[in-house]
C-alpha atoms as a PDB file:
ATOM      1  CA  MET A   1     101.530 121.348-103.782  1.00  0.00           C
ATOM      2  CA  ARG A   2      97.717 121.859-102.412  1.00  0.00           C
ATOM      3  CA  MET A   3      96.171 124.948-102.139  1.00  0.00           C
ATOM      4  CA  ILE A   4      93.542 125.961 -99.272  1.00  0.00           C
ATOM      5  CA  PHE A   5      90.915 128.461 -99.843  1.00  0.00           C
ATOM      6  CA  ILE A   6      89.622 130.545 -96.946  1.00  0.00           C
ATOM      7  CA  CYS A   7      86.671 132.765 -96.906  1.00  0.00           C
ATOM      8  CA  CYS A   8      86.456 135.069 -94.071  1.00  0.00           C
ATOM      9  CA  MET A   9      83.650 137.777 -92.980  1.00  0.00           C
ATOM     10  CA  CYS A  10      85.234 140.221 -91.111  1.00  0.00           C
ATOM     11  CA  LYS A  11      83.208 143.335 -89.066  1.00  0.00           C
ATOM     12  CA  VAL A  12      84.955 146.321 -89.348  1.00  0.00           C
ATOM     13  CA  ASP A  13      81.978 148.293 -87.379  1.00  0.00           C
ATOM     14  CA  ILE A  14      78.263 148.554 -87.156  1.00  0.00           C
ATOM     15  CA  TRP A  15      77.322 148.966 -90.607  1.00  0.00           C
ATOM     16  CA  PHE A  16      80.449 147.837 -92.381  1.00  0.00           C
ATOM     17  CA  TYR A  17      81.642 144.329 -92.966  1.00  0.00           C
ATOM     18  CA  VAL A  18      84.638 143.147 -95.301  1.00  0.00           C
ATOM     19  CA  ILE A  19      84.353 140.164 -97.261  1.00  0.00           C
ATOM     20  CA  TYR A  20      87.932 138.729 -98.182  1.00  0.00           C
ATOM     21  CA  TYR A  21      89.036 135.307 -99.680  1.00  0.00           C
ATOM     22  CA  VAL A  22      92.970 134.255 -98.966  1.00  0.00           C
ATOM     23  CA  VAL A  23      94.541 131.264-100.591  1.00  0.00           C
ATOM     24  CA  ILE A  24      97.394 129.194 -99.205  1.00  0.00           C
ATOM     25  CA  PRO A  25      99.960 126.952-100.998  1.00  0.00           C
ATOM     26  CA  ILE A  26     100.906 123.975 -98.649  1.00  0.00           C
ATOM     27  CA  GLU A  27     103.303 121.866 -99.807  1.00  0.00           C
ATOM     28  CA  GLU A  28     104.523 118.713 -97.566  1.00  0.00           C
ATOM     29  CA  LYS A  29     102.657 120.580 -94.860  1.00  0.00           C
ATOM     30  CA  THR A  30     104.489 123.886 -95.454  1.00  0.00           C
ATOM     31  CA  LEU A  31     103.406 127.282 -96.031  1.00  0.00           C
ATOM     32  CA  ILE A  32     104.904 128.470 -99.135  1.00  0.00           C
ATOM     33  CA  GLY A  33     103.000 131.718 -98.873  1.00  0.00           C
ATOM     34  CA  SER A  34      99.463 133.502 -99.099  1.00  0.00           C
ATOM     35  CA  VAL A  35      97.539 136.652-101.078  1.00  0.00           C
ATOM     36  CA  ALA A  36      94.336 137.875 -99.805  1.00  0.00           C
ATOM     37  CA  CYS A  37      91.474 139.095-102.148  1.00  0.00           C
ATOM     38  CA  TYR A  38      88.895 142.150-101.027  1.00  0.00           C
ATOM     39  CA  GLY A  39      86.709 143.039-103.949  1.00  0.00           C
ATOM     40  CA  ASN A  40      88.827 144.134-106.377  1.00  0.00           C
ATOM     41  CA  GLU A  41      92.538 144.242-104.625  1.00  0.00           C
ATOM     42  CA  ILE A  42      95.001 142.058-104.616  1.00  0.00           C
ATOM     43  CA  ASP A  43      96.538 142.322-101.228  1.00  0.00           C
ATOM     44  CA  ASP A  44      99.044 140.785 -98.835  1.00  0.00           C
ATOM     45  CA  LEU A  45     100.792 138.602-101.455  1.00  0.00           C
ATOM     46  CA  PHE A  46     103.739 136.939 -99.734  1.00  0.00           C
ATOM     47  CA  VAL A  47     106.191 134.001-100.235  1.00  0.00           C
ATOM     48  CA  VAL A  48     108.580 132.530 -97.325  1.00  0.00           C
ATOM     49  CA  GLY A  49     111.778 133.148 -97.953  1.00  0.00           C
ATOM     50  CA  ALA A  50     112.773 129.414 -99.131  1.00  0.00           C
ATOM     51  CA  TYR A  51     109.975 129.213-101.575  1.00  0.00           C
ATOM     52  CA  ARG A  52     110.978 131.968-103.660  1.00  0.00           C
ATOM     53  CA  GLN A  53     112.083 132.629-106.858  1.00  0.00           C
ATOM     54  CA  LYS A  54     109.935 129.339-107.554  1.00  0.00           C
ATOM     55  CA  GLY A  55     107.287 130.827-109.376  1.00  0.00           C
ATOM     56  CA  TYR A  56     104.634 130.510-106.334  1.00  0.00           C
ATOM     57  CA  GLY A  57     104.415 133.972-106.090  1.00  0.00           C
ATOM     58  CA  LYS A  58     103.178 134.132-109.728  1.00  0.00           C
ATOM     59  CA  GLN A  59     101.112 131.179-109.317  1.00  0.00           C
ATOM     60  CA  LEU A  60      99.386 132.909-106.445  1.00  0.00           C
ATOM     61  CA  LEU A  61      99.311 136.485-108.325  1.00  0.00           C
ATOM     62  CA  ILE A  62      97.365 134.453-110.889  1.00  0.00           C
ATOM     63  CA  TRP A  63      94.844 132.452-109.007  1.00  0.00           C
ATOM     64  CA  ALA A  64      93.846 135.951-107.266  1.00  0.00           C
ATOM     65  CA  MET A  65      93.682 137.739-110.572  1.00  0.00           C
ATOM     66  CA  ASP A  66      91.219 135.173-111.995  1.00  0.00           C
ATOM     67  CA  HIS A  67      89.464 135.289-108.782  1.00  0.00           C
ATOM     68  CA  ILE A  68      88.445 138.752-109.034  1.00  0.00           C
ATOM     69  CA  ALA A  69      87.942 138.282-112.373  1.00  0.00           C
ATOM     70  CA  SER A  70      85.408 135.729-111.689  1.00  0.00           C
ATOM     71  CA  LEU A  71      83.536 138.051-109.444  1.00  0.00           C
ATOM     72  CA  GLY A  72      83.024 140.057-112.070  1.00  0.00           C
ATOM     73  CA  TYR A  73      85.213 142.889-111.716  1.00  0.00           C
ATOM     74  CA  ASP A  74      86.873 144.470-114.698  1.00  0.00           C
ATOM     75  CA  GLU A  75      89.752 146.388-112.703  1.00  0.00           C
ATOM     76  CA  LEU A  76      92.497 145.306-110.226  1.00  0.00           C
ATOM     77  CA  ILE A  77      94.040 146.690-107.746  1.00  0.00           C
ATOM     78  CA  LEU A  78      96.853 146.225-106.006  1.00  0.00           C
ATOM     79  CA  HIS A  79      99.553 148.245-103.556  1.00  0.00           C
ATOM     80  CA  VAL A  80     103.185 147.223-103.406  1.00  0.00           C
ATOM     81  CA  ALA A  81     106.079 149.242-101.569  1.00  0.00           C
ATOM     82  CA  GLU A  82     108.542 150.518-104.216  1.00  0.00           C
ATOM     83  CA  TRP A  83     111.702 148.934-101.801  1.00  0.00           C
ATOM     84  CA  ASN A  84     110.262 145.947-103.003  1.00  0.00           C
ATOM     85  CA  ARG A  85     111.773 145.293-106.331  1.00  0.00           C
ATOM     86  CA  ARG A  86     111.065 141.499-106.942  1.00  0.00           C
ATOM     87  CA  ALA A  87     107.373 141.986-106.478  1.00  0.00           C
ATOM     88  CA  VAL A  88     106.966 145.379-108.568  1.00  0.00           C
ATOM     89  CA  GLN A  89     108.925 143.707-111.400  1.00  0.00           C
ATOM     90  CA  LEU A  90     106.243 140.637-111.205  1.00  0.00           C
ATOM     91  CA  TYR A  91     103.496 142.853-111.087  1.00  0.00           C
ATOM     92  CA  ILE A  92     104.682 144.406-114.264  1.00  0.00           C
ATOM     93  CA  ASN A  93     105.619 140.991-115.874  1.00  0.00           C
ATOM     94  CA  GLU A  94     102.233 140.165-115.356  1.00  0.00           C
ATOM     95  CA  GLY A  95     100.876 143.504-117.238  1.00  0.00           C
ATOM     96  CA  PHE A  96     100.250 145.572-114.328  1.00  0.00           C
ATOM     97  CA  LYS A  97     101.107 149.453-114.966  1.00  0.00           C
ATOM     98  CA  ILE A  98     102.259 152.088-112.450  1.00  0.00           C
ATOM     99  CA  VAL A  99      99.646 154.827-111.939  1.00  0.00           C
ATOM    100  CA  LYS A 100     100.063 156.554-109.282  1.00  0.00           C
ATOM    101  CA  THR A 101     102.267 156.618-106.675  1.00  0.00           C
ATOM    102  CA  ASP A 102     102.362 157.683-103.162  1.00  0.00           C
ATOM    103  CA  VAL A 103     104.240 158.534 -99.667  1.00  0.00           C
ATOM    104  CA  VAL A 104     103.342 156.918 -96.427  1.00  0.00           C
ATOM    105  CA  SER A 105     104.842 158.528 -93.291  1.00  0.00           C
ATOM    106  CA  VAL A 106     105.153 155.824 -90.828  1.00  0.00           C
END
């Protein structure tokens, strides 16, 4: 498996840019998943269905945690939907604690 690392800068408005980092694992030219880091926030971690339950999600999470720590942040933030029980369990297994629950209306 090889990892493709992408650094992007998006202009949100005239004064504000967001710099984010995305890592994409590739196996035999097949996308396995992705994770994005915005400052000290881990976002959009996903693994393609055929590759789930094989440790790729954990590898992506650990990469993101290490990357954010290398930027000098002491605290990590992530958001996960309550219905996504596998992701919630992964985060808890890696030491995250649920500190706040929000209700989001659609």
